[in-house]
Amino acid sequence: MELVAIFSFLTFCLLFVVVGLLFMTVRAGVGLSAPLDETKPSSPRNRFRE
């Protein structure tokens, strides 16, 4: 019973780490792609906002 609990806990931690890495990679991808797309229209957007 203890082995099952430890195994389930390890699998949960592994899934959590994998999901976290996927989230970070997706967030990094969006963060890298967004500034490249917003570098040109960033000034007009700021002007419209102001």
N, C-alpha and C. Protein backbone atom coordinates (compact mmCIF):
# COMPACT_ATOMS: atom_id res chain seq x y z
N MET A 1 0.84 -1.20 0.00
CA MET A 1 0.00 0.00 0.00
C MET A 1 0.88 1.25 0.00
N GLU A 2 1.97 1.21 0.76
CA GLU A 2 2.85 2.38 0.80
C GLU A 2 3.52 2.59 -0.55
N LEU A 3 3.90 1.48 -1.21
CA LEU A 3 4.53 1.61 -2.53
C LEU A 3 3.57 2.26 -3.52
N VAL A 4 2.30 1.90 -3.43
CA VAL A 4 1.31 2.48 -4.35
C VAL A 4 1.17 3.97 -4.09
N ALA A 5 1.15 4.35 -2.81
CA ALA A 5 1.02 5.77 -2.47
C ALA A 5 2.24 6.54 -2.96
N ILE A 6 3.42 5.99 -2.75
CA ILE A 6 4.65 6.66 -3.19
C ILE A 6 4.67 6.76 -4.72
N PHE A 7 4.25 5.67 -5.39
CA PHE A 7 4.25 5.67 -6.85
C PHE A 7 3.27 6.71 -7.39
N SER A 8 2.10 6.78 -6.78
CA SER A 8 1.10 7.76 -7.23
C SER A 8 1.60 9.18 -6.97
N PHE A 9 2.27 9.37 -5.83
CA PHE A 9 2.80 10.70 -5.50
C PHE A 9 3.88 11.10 -6.50
N LEU A 10 4.76 10.14 -6.84
CA LEU A 10 5.82 10.43 -7.81
C LEU A 10 5.23 10.73 -9.18
N THR A 11 4.21 9.98 -9.58
CA THR A 11 3.59 10.23 -10.88
C THR A 11 2.93 11.60 -10.88
N PHE A 12 2.29 11.97 -9.77
CA PHE A 12 1.66 13.28 -9.67
C PHE A 12 2.71 14.38 -9.79
N CYS A 13 3.83 14.22 -9.09
CA CYS A 13 4.91 15.22 -9.17
C CYS A 13 5.45 15.29 -10.59
N LEU A 14 5.61 14.12 -11.22
CA LEU A 14 6.15 14.09 -12.58
C LEU A 14 5.20 14.81 -13.54
N LEU A 15 3.91 14.53 -13.41
CA LEU A 15 2.93 15.20 -14.27
C LEU A 15 2.94 16.70 -14.02
N PHE A 16 3.05 17.09 -12.74
CA PHE A 16 3.07 18.51 -12.40
C PHE A 16 4.28 19.20 -13.04
N VAL A 17 5.44 18.54 -12.97
CA VAL A 17 6.66 19.11 -13.55
C VAL A 17 6.52 19.20 -15.07
N VAL A 18 5.97 18.15 -15.69
CA VAL A 18 5.81 18.16 -17.15
C VAL A 18 4.87 19.27 -17.57
N VAL A 19 3.75 19.41 -16.86
CA VAL A 19 2.79 20.47 -17.19
C VAL A 19 3.44 21.84 -16.98
N GLY A 20 4.22 21.97 -15.92
CA GLY A 20 4.90 23.24 -15.67
C GLY A 20 5.89 23.57 -16.77
N LEU A 21 6.65 22.57 -17.21
CA LEU A 21 7.61 22.81 -18.29
C LEU A 21 6.89 23.17 -19.58
N LEU A 22 5.79 22.47 -19.87
CA LEU A 22 5.01 22.78 -21.07
C LEU A 22 4.48 24.20 -20.99
N PHE A 23 3.97 24.58 -19.82
CA PHE A 23 3.43 25.93 -19.66
C PHE A 23 4.52 26.97 -19.85
N MET A 24 5.71 26.70 -19.28
CA MET A 24 6.82 27.65 -19.41
C MET A 24 7.27 27.75 -20.87
N THR A 25 7.33 26.60 -21.57
CA THR A 25 7.76 26.63 -22.97
C THR A 25 6.75 27.38 -23.82
N VAL A 26 5.46 27.13 -23.58
CA VAL A 26 4.42 27.84 -24.34
C VAL A 26 4.47 29.32 -24.02
N ARG A 27 4.64 29.64 -22.73
CA ARG A 27 4.70 31.04 -22.33
C ARG A 27 5.94 31.71 -22.93
N ALA A 28 7.06 31.00 -22.94
CA ALA A 28 8.28 31.55 -23.52
C ALA A 28 8.10 31.74 -25.02
N GLY A 29 7.46 30.76 -25.68
CA GLY A 29 7.22 30.88 -27.12
C GLY A 29 6.35 32.08 -27.42
N VAL A 30 5.29 32.27 -26.63
CA VAL A 30 4.41 33.42 -26.84
C VAL A 30 5.17 34.71 -26.53
N GLY A 31 5.98 34.69 -25.48
CA GLY A 31 6.73 35.89 -25.12
C GLY A 31 7.77 36.24 -26.17
N LEU A 32 8.34 35.21 -26.82
CA LEU A 32 9.33 35.49 -27.85
C LEU A 32 8.67 35.93 -29.15
N SER A 33 7.52 35.35 -29.47
CA SER A 33 6.85 35.67 -30.73
C SER A 33 6.10 37.00 -30.63
N ALA A 34 5.51 37.29 -29.48
CA ALA A 34 4.72 38.52 -29.35
C ALA A 34 5.58 39.78 -29.53
N PRO A 35 6.72 39.91 -28.84
CA PRO A 35 7.54 41.12 -29.01
C PRO A 35 8.01 41.28 -30.45
N LEU A 36 8.32 40.18 -31.13
CA LEU A 36 8.77 40.28 -32.52
C LEU A 36 7.65 40.85 -33.39
N ASP A 37 6.41 40.46 -33.08
CA ASP A 37 5.26 40.95 -33.86
C ASP A 37 4.87 42.36 -33.42
N GLU A 38 5.15 42.70 -32.17
CA GLU A 38 4.70 43.99 -31.65
C GLU A 38 5.79 45.07 -31.72
N THR A 39 6.98 44.71 -32.19
CA THR A 39 8.06 45.71 -32.23
C THR A 39 7.68 46.84 -33.18
N LYS A 40 7.12 46.51 -34.34
CA LYS A 40 6.77 47.56 -35.32
C LYS A 40 5.52 48.33 -34.90
N PRO A 41 4.40 47.64 -34.55
CA PRO A 41 3.18 48.39 -34.21
C PRO A 41 3.13 48.84 -32.75
N SER A 42 4.22 48.68 -32.00
CA SER A 42 4.17 49.04 -30.58
C SER A 42 4.01 50.55 -30.42
N SER A 43 4.74 51.35 -31.21
CA SER A 43 4.63 52.81 -31.06
C SER A 43 3.25 53.32 -31.47
N PRO A 44 2.66 52.87 -32.59
CA PRO A 44 1.31 53.34 -32.92
C PRO A 44 0.29 52.96 -31.86
N ARG A 45 0.43 51.77 -31.28
CA ARG A 45 -0.51 51.35 -30.24
C ARG A 45 -0.37 52.27 -29.02
N ASN A 46 0.86 52.57 -28.65
CA ASN A 46 1.06 53.45 -27.50
C ASN A 46 0.50 54.83 -27.80
N ARG A 47 0.65 55.30 -29.02
CA ARG A 47 0.13 56.62 -29.38
C ARG A 47 -1.40 56.62 -29.30
N PHE A 48 -2.03 55.53 -29.79
CA PHE A 48 -3.49 55.46 -29.73
C PHE A 48 -3.95 55.41 -28.28
N ARG A 49 -3.21 54.67 -27.44
CA ARG A 49 -3.60 54.56 -26.04
C ARG A 49 -3.46 55.91 -25.34
N GLU A 50 -2.41 56.64 -25.66
CA GLU A 50 -2.21 57.95 -25.03
C GLU A 50 -3.20 58.96 -25.61
